[in-house]
Structure formats: structure tokens, C-alpha cells
Amino acid sequence: QEHLVESGGGLVQAGGSLRLSCAASGRTFSTYAMGWFRQVPGKEREFVAAISWGGDRMVYADSVKGRFTISRDNAKNTVYLQMNSLKPEDTAVYYCAADRVLTTHARLYGYWGQGTQVTVSS
């Protein structure tokens, strides 16, 4: 079982950068695909990026391609989301998630963190 804790959110100006981290406490982190999602009030949780358990496959939402990079360090049980060229529309609560299968569908992820707020000012 994985317990996930996100960090690194905050307030940044448009065009700036943030790096989110998601630390997992389980002993089987390296066997899980990891995903990042985001959500704003009144909207469904939106897929952002995902990475395979070995780190060799990454998938991105079209809205973040070329600006965000997902990576993982299995030795540290941590997955990262480097966010560059941030826009006001990136403002949301960002969640990391874990599951055995690499997927873009939130409902298929079995484990979730508590979320971290990212606010991008114009």
C-alpha cells in the first residue's frame, strides 16, 4: 500500500517555474506507474502527466506538453513534476496518484495524495 504526500506548490507569476514532489512511503513504489492530476473547484480532476514504473515512458496532456516534465527517482521513492512557463490557467490543486498500470484515467488510480495548491498570477 502506498501513502503519497505532495509538496512544492505555491504562488508564482506567469512565466515562472515550480517543481512539485510526491513522496511515497510504501515499499513497492518502484512497481507503480505514477500520475499527476489537477483540479479546480467545480471541475473534474484533469490528467496532467504520467510515468511508467521504470521511468521509460511518459505521457502528457496536450495543454502541458513542452512546458511540464515528469520524472521519478525510485531510490528516493519520489516522483517530480517540473513546471515551466506557467500560465494562470495552470492554477489548480495538483495531486499525485499511483497504480500498477500507466493510464491517463483518474478513476483507475488506486492511491492518491492530499494535493498541493499551485497558483499562477497574471
Protein backbone atom coordinates (compact mmCIF):
# COMPACT_ATOMS: atom_id res chain seq x y z
CA GLN A 1 0.00 0.00 0.00
CA GLU A 2 1.28 3.44 -0.93
CA HIS A 3 0.92 6.63 1.08
CA LEU A 4 1.59 9.69 -1.07
CA VAL A 5 2.50 13.20 0.06
CA GLU A 6 2.83 16.11 -2.36
CA SER A 7 4.90 19.22 -1.79
CA GLY A 8 6.32 22.16 -3.71
CA GLY A 9 3.16 24.08 -4.53
CA GLY A 10 2.88 27.81 -4.07
CA LEU A 11 2.30 31.17 -5.69
CA VAL A 12 4.26 32.09 -8.80
CA GLN A 13 3.99 34.73 -11.51
CA ALA A 14 3.06 33.80 -15.05
CA GLY A 15 6.12 32.58 -16.92
CA GLY A 16 7.71 31.24 -13.76
CA SER A 17 8.54 27.71 -12.67
CA LEU A 18 7.74 25.32 -9.86
CA ARG A 19 8.77 21.77 -9.10
CA LEU A 20 6.31 19.51 -7.37
CA SER A 21 7.40 16.43 -5.49
CA CYS A 22 5.42 13.40 -4.44
CA ALA A 23 6.97 11.16 -1.82
CA ALA A 24 5.70 7.61 -1.38
CA SER A 25 6.08 5.64 1.80
CA GLY A 26 5.33 2.12 0.55
CA ARG A 27 7.97 -0.49 -0.14
CA THR A 28 6.74 -1.19 -3.67
CA PHE A 29 6.93 2.31 -5.16
CA SER A 30 9.18 1.19 -8.00
CA THR A 31 6.48 -1.19 -9.25
CA TYR A 32 3.84 1.54 -9.64
CA ALA A 33 3.12 3.86 -12.51
CA MET A 34 2.67 7.41 -11.23
CA GLY A 35 0.45 10.20 -12.43
CA TRP A 36 -0.14 13.89 -11.79
CA PHE A 37 -3.61 15.35 -11.98
CA ARG A 38 -5.07 18.76 -11.20
CA GLN A 39 -8.44 20.07 -10.19
CA VAL A 40 -10.14 23.43 -9.88
CA PRO A 41 -13.38 23.95 -7.97
CA GLY A 42 -16.44 22.87 -9.90
CA LYS A 43 -14.49 20.87 -12.46
CA GLU A 44 -13.46 17.25 -12.80
CA ARG A 45 -9.96 16.13 -11.98
CA GLU A 46 -7.81 16.62 -15.07
CA PHE A 47 -4.92 14.46 -16.24
CA VAL A 48 -1.56 16.26 -16.43
CA ALA A 49 1.22 13.68 -16.83
CA ALA A 50 2.10 10.07 -16.08
CA ILE A 51 5.24 7.97 -15.97
CA SER A 52 5.80 4.23 -16.09
CA TRP A 53 7.27 2.33 -13.17
CA GLY A 54 10.68 2.20 -14.83
CA GLY A 55 10.61 5.81 -15.96
CA ASP A 56 10.98 4.94 -19.64
CA ARG A 57 7.52 6.01 -20.76
CA MET A 58 5.89 9.39 -20.15
CA VAL A 59 2.51 10.70 -21.23
CA TYR A 60 1.42 14.34 -21.14
CA ALA A 61 -1.77 16.27 -21.58
CA ASP A 62 -1.68 18.46 -24.67
CA SER A 63 -2.11 21.53 -22.51
CA VAL A 64 1.23 20.99 -20.75
CA LYS A 65 3.38 19.38 -23.45
CA GLY A 66 6.67 21.19 -23.86
CA ARG A 67 6.24 23.02 -20.52
CA PHE A 68 5.96 20.27 -17.89
CA THR A 69 8.28 17.33 -17.31
CA ILE A 70 7.51 14.29 -15.17
CA SER A 71 10.34 12.24 -13.71
CA ARG A 72 10.93 9.79 -10.90
CA ASP A 73 13.69 8.61 -8.60
CA ASN A 74 12.88 5.11 -7.43
CA ALA A 75 15.79 5.13 -4.99
CA LYS A 76 14.11 8.06 -3.22
CA ASN A 77 10.52 6.83 -3.69
CA THR A 78 9.71 10.18 -5.27
CA VAL A 79 8.09 11.44 -8.45
CA TYR A 80 8.50 15.00 -9.67
CA LEU A 81 6.66 17.43 -11.89
CA GLN A 82 8.81 20.25 -13.23
CA MET A 83 6.51 23.02 -14.41
CA ASN A 84 7.96 25.78 -16.58
CA SER A 85 6.38 28.70 -18.44
CA LEU A 86 3.45 28.60 -16.06
CA LYS A 87 0.18 30.22 -17.08
CA PRO A 88 -2.74 31.47 -14.96
CA GLU A 89 -4.84 28.59 -16.33
CA ASP A 90 -2.42 26.15 -14.65
CA THR A 91 -3.79 27.30 -11.29
CA ALA A 92 -5.25 24.27 -9.52
CA VAL A 93 -4.74 21.77 -6.74
CA TYR A 94 -2.24 19.22 -8.02
CA TYR A 95 -2.48 15.58 -6.96
CA CYS A 96 -0.16 12.66 -7.47
CA ALA A 97 -1.51 9.15 -7.86
CA ALA A 98 -0.19 5.62 -8.10
CA ASP A 99 -1.36 2.46 -9.78
CA ARG A 100 0.03 -0.67 -11.37
CA VAL A 101 -0.93 0.44 -14.89
CA LEU A 102 0.19 3.55 -16.78
CA THR A 103 -3.03 5.37 -17.59
CA THR A 104 -4.46 8.84 -18.06
CA HIS A 105 -7.79 7.98 -16.37
CA ALA A 106 -8.12 9.24 -12.82
CA ARG A 107 -10.70 6.63 -11.85
CA LEU A 108 -8.17 3.85 -12.48
CA TYR A 109 -5.65 5.12 -9.94
CA GLY A 110 -5.87 3.41 -6.59
CA TYR A 111 -3.76 5.69 -4.42
CA TRP A 112 -3.85 9.47 -4.09
CA GLY A 113 -2.06 12.19 -2.22
CA GLN A 114 -3.78 15.04 -0.43
CA GLY A 115 -2.91 17.64 -3.06
CA THR A 116 -0.84 20.81 -3.20
CA GLN A 117 -2.08 24.21 -4.35
CA VAL A 118 -0.45 25.90 -7.32
CA THR A 119 -1.46 29.48 -8.03
CA VAL A 120 -0.17 31.37 -11.05
CA SER A 121 -0.75 35.10 -11.05
CA SER A 122 -1.02 37.12 -14.24
